[in-house]
Amino acid sequence: MLYIVPTPVGNLEDITLRALRILKEADLILAEDTRTSGLLLKHFDIHRPMLSYHKFNEHQTVARIVERLQGGETIAVVSDAGTPGISDPGFLVAREAARAGVEVSCLPGATAFVPALVASGLPCDKFCFEGFLPQKKGRQTRLQQLADEPRTMVFYESPHRVVKALQQFAEVFGAERPAAVCREISKLHEETLRGTLADLLAHFTQHEPRGEFVILVGGKPDKEPQSPGKP
């Protein structure tokens, strides 16, 4: 059995009882960073073997991991924070395990974009999750492809690129497009700012962005109905 186990994005109380049980019972824990996950396991007094599993080695190690799963081991996958596979390592091993006939189970749990989306005040019944945009090549092309997207768009961004991202969003989507910026979700300094892209750009131009960010941009509004012509 392969378990995909979400871990807290901030407050350690966000971990589920089931996640703790699975981590305690696993034969092996695949960790994006064993140092980060080691702190979490130590906090909850969990002592299980760990193996480093991240974007730089997942292609080299996935075959051996699948062999261990087929041999009867129970393996849990964790990332530094949130749900593995969502902008974090986890997709490849889940896909290859499923292809090999291994049962794969993803536990419900923490992920940053869901609370950000719900708290944003923007429509959340339908949305478009983009995660991290390309840093350079392909970034502008992808934004242009999203110019007519009618659903709320969700982006992850690092603090040192927040201002640049808001500038680009304003240029492509329009400065008056409604948006929200959520940072430090489930942490001490959690904050959600709402307004137009112009408002948010002005704020973060004056206040240095710090922490982990989710940026949400309202979808393109429906066109105003045209007035009927004269009979």
Protein backbone atom coordinates (compact mmCIF):
# COMPACT_ATOMS: atom_id res chain seq x y z
CA MET A 1 0.00 0.00 0.00
CA LEU A 2 1.20 3.49 -0.86
CA TYR A 3 -0.18 6.30 1.29
CA ILE A 4 -0.03 9.95 0.25
CA VAL A 5 -0.01 11.78 3.59
CA PRO A 6 -0.67 15.52 3.87
CA THR A 7 1.28 17.38 6.55
CA PRO A 8 0.52 20.79 8.09
CA VAL A 9 1.28 23.92 6.08
CA GLY A 10 1.55 25.84 9.34
CA ASN A 11 -0.09 24.91 12.61
CA LEU A 12 0.93 21.40 13.67
CA GLU A 13 -2.57 20.84 15.06
CA ASP A 14 -3.81 20.60 11.47
CA ILE A 15 -2.46 17.08 11.06
CA THR A 16 -5.12 14.39 11.25
CA LEU A 17 -5.27 11.48 13.66
CA ARG A 18 -5.32 9.10 10.72
CA ALA A 19 -2.19 10.68 9.25
CA LEU A 20 -0.37 10.17 12.55
CA ARG A 21 -1.45 6.52 12.67
CA ILE A 22 -0.30 5.83 9.11
CA LEU A 23 3.08 7.46 9.74
CA LYS A 24 3.55 5.36 12.88
CA GLU A 25 2.67 2.14 11.05
CA ALA A 26 4.55 2.71 7.76
CA ASP A 27 7.54 0.52 6.94
CA LEU A 28 9.14 3.51 5.22
CA ILE A 29 8.44 7.24 4.94
CA LEU A 30 9.47 9.04 1.75
CA ALA A 31 10.28 12.64 2.67
CA GLU A 32 10.93 15.61 0.42
CA ASP A 33 13.44 16.84 3.02
CA THR A 34 14.29 14.39 5.81
CA ARG A 35 15.40 17.24 8.07
CA THR A 36 12.07 19.05 7.80
CA SER A 37 10.02 15.88 8.13
CA GLY A 38 12.29 14.70 10.94
CA LEU A 39 11.23 17.67 13.04
CA LEU A 40 7.57 16.84 12.46
CA LEU A 41 8.05 13.18 13.32
CA LYS A 42 10.04 14.05 16.42
CA HIS A 43 7.29 16.40 17.60
CA PHE A 44 4.75 13.57 17.42
CA ASP A 45 7.20 10.96 18.77
CA ILE A 46 7.21 8.94 15.54
CA HIS A 47 10.25 6.80 14.87
CA ARG A 48 10.14 5.21 11.40
CA PRO A 49 12.79 4.82 8.67
CA MET A 50 12.92 7.73 6.24
CA LEU A 51 14.24 8.00 2.68
CA SER A 52 14.90 11.26 0.86
CA TYR A 53 12.53 11.58 -2.09
CA HIS A 54 12.47 14.85 -4.03
CA LYS A 55 12.32 16.26 -7.57
CA PHE A 56 16.05 15.73 -8.11
CA ASN A 57 16.08 11.98 -7.38
CA GLU A 58 12.51 10.72 -7.85
CA HIS A 59 13.14 9.39 -11.36
CA GLN A 60 16.17 7.43 -10.17
CA THR A 61 14.51 5.93 -7.09
CA VAL A 62 10.90 5.31 -8.11
CA ALA A 63 11.50 1.84 -9.61
CA ARG A 64 13.09 0.57 -6.39
CA ILE A 65 10.27 2.05 -4.33
CA VAL A 66 7.66 0.28 -6.47
CA GLU A 67 9.57 -2.98 -6.01
CA ARG A 68 9.38 -2.55 -2.25
CA LEU A 69 5.66 -1.86 -2.47
CA GLN A 70 5.13 -4.98 -4.58
CA GLY A 71 7.13 -6.88 -1.97
CA GLY A 72 4.46 -6.09 0.61
CA GLU A 73 5.79 -2.97 2.32
CA THR A 74 3.58 -0.06 3.36
CA ILE A 75 5.14 3.24 2.32
CA ALA A 76 4.00 6.77 3.19
CA VAL A 77 4.91 9.84 1.13
CA VAL A 78 5.16 13.28 2.76
CA SER A 79 6.33 16.65 1.48
CA ASP A 80 7.70 19.56 3.49
CA ALA A 81 4.15 20.90 3.90
CA GLY A 82 0.74 20.21 2.41
CA THR A 83 -0.37 17.37 0.14
CA PRO A 84 2.32 15.57 -1.90
CA GLY A 85 1.68 15.83 -5.63
CA ILE A 86 0.24 19.35 -5.37
CA SER A 87 3.26 21.42 -6.50
CA ASP A 88 5.42 18.92 -4.58
CA PRO A 89 6.93 15.47 -5.30
CA GLY A 90 4.42 12.64 -5.15
CA PHE A 91 2.78 12.37 -8.56
CA LEU A 92 5.42 10.13 -10.12
CA VAL A 93 5.48 7.48 -7.40
CA ALA A 94 1.66 7.46 -7.21
CA ARG A 95 1.41 6.96 -10.97
CA GLU A 96 4.02 4.23 -11.15
CA ALA A 97 2.62 2.41 -8.12
CA ALA A 98 -0.87 2.46 -9.63
CA ARG A 99 0.48 1.19 -12.95
CA ALA A 100 2.17 -1.67 -11.09
CA GLY A 101 -1.10 -2.69 -9.46
CA VAL A 102 -0.24 -1.31 -6.01
CA GLU A 103 -3.09 0.21 -4.05
CA VAL A 104 -2.67 3.98 -3.65
CA SER A 105 -4.55 5.96 -1.01
CA CYS A 106 -4.39 9.72 -0.49
CA LEU A 107 -5.47 10.92 2.93
CA PRO A 108 -7.57 14.09 3.16
CA GLY A 109 -5.65 16.91 4.75
CA ALA A 110 -3.82 20.19 4.53
CA THR A 111 -3.09 22.00 1.29
CA ALA A 112 -2.51 25.73 1.01
CA PHE A 113 -4.76 26.73 -1.87
CA VAL A 114 -8.08 25.47 -0.47
CA PRO A 115 -8.28 27.74 2.61
CA ALA A 116 -6.86 30.62 0.54
CA LEU A 117 -9.53 30.15 -2.13
CA VAL A 118 -12.41 29.88 0.33
CA ALA A 119 -11.24 32.90 2.36
CA SER A 120 -10.54 35.07 -0.69
CA GLY A 121 -14.11 36.19 -1.21
CA LEU A 122 -13.81 35.25 -4.88
CA PRO A 123 -16.08 32.62 -6.47
CA CYS A 124 -14.85 29.19 -5.37
CA ASP A 125 -17.48 26.86 -6.83
CA LYS A 126 -15.30 26.57 -9.94
CA PHE A 127 -11.62 27.47 -10.12
CA CYS A 128 -8.43 26.98 -12.10
CA PHE A 129 -5.36 25.84 -10.15
CA GLU A 130 -2.11 26.93 -11.82
CA GLY A 131 0.36 26.43 -8.96
CA PHE A 132 3.78 27.90 -9.73
CA LEU A 133 4.02 29.55 -13.15
CA PRO A 134 7.22 29.07 -15.16
CA GLN A 135 9.81 31.52 -13.87
CA LYS A 136 11.00 32.61 -17.31
CA LYS A 137 10.40 30.63 -20.48
CA GLY A 138 6.72 30.12 -21.15
CA ARG A 139 5.48 32.36 -18.34
CA GLN A 140 4.08 35.14 -20.53
CA THR A 141 2.61 32.63 -22.96
CA ARG A 142 0.75 30.87 -20.16
CA LEU A 143 -0.61 34.16 -18.81
CA GLN A 144 -1.90 35.09 -22.25
CA GLN A 145 -3.62 31.71 -22.45
CA LEU A 146 -5.38 32.52 -19.17
CA ALA A 147 -6.52 36.01 -20.23
CA ASP A 148 -10.05 34.80 -21.02
CA GLU A 149 -10.28 32.23 -18.18
CA PRO A 150 -13.73 32.74 -16.55
CA ARG A 151 -12.95 30.84 -13.34
CA THR A 152 -11.06 32.09 -10.30
CA MET A 153 -7.35 31.43 -10.87
CA VAL A 154 -5.04 30.18 -8.12
CA PHE A 155 -1.28 30.72 -8.17
CA TYR A 156 1.57 29.90 -5.82
CA GLU A 157 4.40 32.42 -5.67
CA SER A 158 7.61 32.96 -3.74
CA PRO A 159 7.88 36.22 -1.77
CA HIS A 160 10.61 37.76 -3.91
CA ARG A 161 8.46 37.41 -7.05
CA VAL A 162 5.11 38.58 -5.63
CA VAL A 163 5.42 42.17 -6.88
CA LYS A 164 6.54 41.06 -10.35
CA ALA A 165 3.68 38.55 -10.51
CA LEU A 166 1.09 41.18 -9.56
CA GLN A 167 2.52 43.54 -12.18
CA GLN A 168 2.24 40.88 -14.86
CA PHE A 169 -1.27 39.89 -13.76
CA ALA A 170 -2.38 43.54 -13.93
CA GLU A 171 -0.93 43.89 -17.43
CA VAL A 172 -2.59 40.74 -18.76
CA PHE A 173 -5.85 40.56 -16.79
CA GLY A 174 -6.40 44.27 -16.19
CA ALA A 175 -5.49 46.37 -13.16
CA GLU A 176 -9.11 46.47 -11.96
CA ARG A 177 -9.54 42.68 -11.89
CA PRO A 178 -10.57 41.58 -8.35
CA ALA A 179 -7.97 39.52 -6.54
CA ALA A 180 -6.73 38.36 -3.14
CA VAL A 181 -3.35 37.56 -1.68
CA CYS A 182 -3.10 35.07 1.18
CA ARG A 183 0.14 34.55 3.03
CA GLU A 184 1.39 32.40 5.89
CA ILE A 185 -1.72 30.21 5.89
CA SER A 186 -2.32 28.51 9.26
CA LYS A 187 0.69 30.30 10.77
CA LEU A 188 1.05 33.04 13.37
CA HIS A 189 1.09 35.88 10.85
CA GLU A 190 -1.63 34.59 8.53
CA GLU A 191 -3.10 37.40 6.44
CA THR A 192 -5.55 37.77 3.56
CA LEU A 193 -5.65 41.00 1.55
CA ARG A 194 -8.43 41.66 -0.95
CA GLY A 195 -8.94 44.30 -3.62
CA THR A 196 -8.09 44.93 -7.24
CA LEU A 197 -4.77 43.87 -8.70
CA ALA A 198 -3.81 47.56 -8.66
CA ASP A 199 -4.63 47.78 -4.93
CA LEU A 200 -2.59 44.71 -4.09
CA LEU A 201 0.33 45.79 -6.25
CA ALA A 202 0.41 49.17 -4.49
CA HIS A 203 0.35 47.48 -1.08
CA PHE A 204 3.20 45.06 -1.73
CA THR A 205 5.24 47.72 -3.49
CA GLN A 206 5.20 49.60 -0.17
CA HIS A 207 5.35 46.56 2.13
CA GLU A 208 7.99 43.90 1.52
CA PRO A 209 6.34 40.51 0.86
CA ARG A 210 7.29 37.93 3.46
CA GLY A 211 6.23 34.33 3.93
CA GLU A 212 4.51 31.78 1.72
CA PHE A 213 1.99 33.19 -0.77
CA VAL A 214 -1.13 32.15 -2.62
CA ILE A 215 -2.42 34.68 -5.15
CA LEU A 216 -6.00 34.43 -6.37
CA VAL A 217 -7.33 36.34 -9.38
CA GLY A 218 -10.96 36.61 -10.35
CA GLY A 219 -11.94 35.16 -13.69
CA LYS A 220 -12.82 37.27 -16.70
CA PRO A 221 -16.31 38.66 -16.15
CA ASP A 222 -19.12 38.02 -18.57
CA LYS A 223 -19.58 40.73 -21.14
CA GLU A 224 -22.29 43.25 -20.40
CA PRO A 225 -25.37 42.49 -22.49
CA GLN A 226 -25.66 44.78 -25.49
CA SER A 227 -28.65 47.06 -25.74
CA PRO A 228 -31.10 45.89 -28.36
CA GLY A 229 -31.07 47.87 -31.58
CA LYS A 230 -33.96 50.01 -32.71
CA PRO A 231 -36.78 48.10 -34.32
